[in-house]
Amino acid sequence: MTDWYRLFKGRWKCPKCGSQDIIINEHALTGAGFTRLMNWQSYEYVAVTCARCGYTEFYSKQVLGGEREAMKILDLLFGS
C-alpha cells in the first residue's frame, strides 16, 4: 500500500493560500451505466486537501501508478 501522505508532504503547496499542511484521503467513484447500477467502484483517486483553507485537488491512482511512478509524476508537477 502506498503512503500517499509521505509522497505529497513537502511537494504539494496550496495554490490558494500557500500552505503546505495537507490532509490525504482516498476515494473510489462509480462510473455511469452498468458500473453505477452494480455500484462498482471503478475510478480511484487520491485527494490532497489544504489543512488551512480546504482547497482540494484529486489525482487519479491510475495515472500515479505505484509509488515509484507517483514519485516521478509528483517531481514533474511540483519539482524535487
Protein backbone atom coordinates (compact mmCIF):
# COMPACT_ATOMS: atom_id res chain seq x y z
CA MET A 1 0.00 0.00 0.00
CA THR A 2 1.33 3.41 -0.97
CA ASP A 3 1.89 6.03 1.72
CA TRP A 4 0.34 8.94 -0.16
CA TYR A 5 0.92 11.39 2.70
CA ARG A 6 4.67 10.75 2.59
CA LEU A 7 4.70 11.16 -1.19
CA PHE A 8 2.85 14.51 -1.22
CA LYS A 9 4.23 16.04 2.01
CA GLY A 10 6.78 18.75 1.22
CA ARG A 11 6.00 18.62 -2.51
CA TRP A 12 2.45 19.97 -2.58
CA LYS A 13 1.72 23.64 -1.96
CA CYS A 14 -1.79 25.07 -1.88
CA PRO A 15 -2.34 27.35 -4.89
CA LYS A 16 -4.91 29.38 -2.93
CA CYS A 17 -3.20 30.17 0.40
CA GLY A 18 0.35 28.80 0.01
CA SER A 19 0.16 26.39 2.95
CA GLN A 20 1.94 23.03 2.80
CA ASP A 21 -0.13 21.45 5.61
CA ILE A 22 -2.13 18.67 3.97
CA ILE A 23 -4.80 16.07 4.61
CA ILE A 24 -4.84 12.97 2.38
CA ASN A 25 -7.94 10.91 1.58
CA GLU A 26 -8.55 8.11 -0.89
CA HIS A 27 -11.80 8.00 -2.87
CA ALA A 28 -13.41 5.40 -5.12
CA LEU A 29 -16.14 6.52 -7.51
CA THR A 30 -18.51 4.71 -9.81
CA GLY A 31 -18.84 5.39 -13.49
CA ALA A 32 -22.04 5.61 -15.47
CA GLY A 33 -24.34 2.91 -16.75
CA PHE A 34 -23.74 -0.69 -15.67
CA THR A 35 -20.94 0.08 -13.20
CA ARG A 36 -23.17 2.59 -11.45
CA LEU A 37 -26.07 0.13 -11.36
CA MET A 38 -23.84 -2.56 -9.83
CA ASN A 39 -22.14 0.00 -7.55
CA TRP A 40 -18.67 -0.99 -8.76
CA GLN A 41 -16.01 1.47 -7.68
CA SER A 42 -14.12 1.70 -10.96
CA TYR A 43 -12.32 5.03 -10.51
CA GLU A 44 -9.88 5.60 -7.65
CA TYR A 45 -8.41 8.94 -6.64
CA VAL A 46 -6.11 10.44 -4.05
CA ALA A 47 -7.45 13.73 -2.66
CA VAL A 48 -4.95 16.25 -1.31
CA THR A 49 -6.68 18.86 0.85
CA CYS A 50 -5.13 22.01 2.28
CA ALA A 51 -5.44 21.81 6.07
CA ARG A 52 -5.67 25.62 6.28
CA CYS A 53 -8.27 26.66 3.68
CA GLY A 54 -9.82 23.36 2.49
CA TYR A 55 -8.81 23.63 -1.17
CA THR A 56 -8.72 20.10 -2.64
CA GLU A 57 -7.08 18.53 -5.69
CA PHE A 58 -7.77 15.00 -6.93
CA TYR A 59 -5.12 12.77 -8.52
CA SER A 60 -6.00 9.60 -10.40
CA LYS A 61 -4.39 6.50 -8.92
CA GLN A 62 -4.33 5.05 -12.44
CA VAL A 63 -2.13 7.94 -13.61
CA LEU A 64 0.02 7.99 -10.47
CA GLY A 65 0.53 4.22 -10.64
CA GLY A 66 2.71 2.69 -7.95
CA GLU A 67 4.95 4.56 -5.56
CA ARG A 68 7.91 4.79 -7.94
CA GLU A 69 5.78 6.13 -10.80
CA ALA A 70 3.98 8.51 -8.45
CA MET A 71 7.30 9.98 -7.29
CA LYS A 72 8.28 10.67 -10.92
CA ILE A 73 4.95 12.35 -11.69
CA LEU A 74 4.98 14.42 -8.49
CA ASP A 75 8.53 15.57 -9.22
CA LEU A 76 7.40 16.67 -12.68
CA LEU A 77 4.39 18.53 -11.26
CA PHE A 78 5.96 20.18 -8.22
CA GLY A 79 9.73 19.90 -8.72
CA SER A 80 12.03 17.93 -6.46
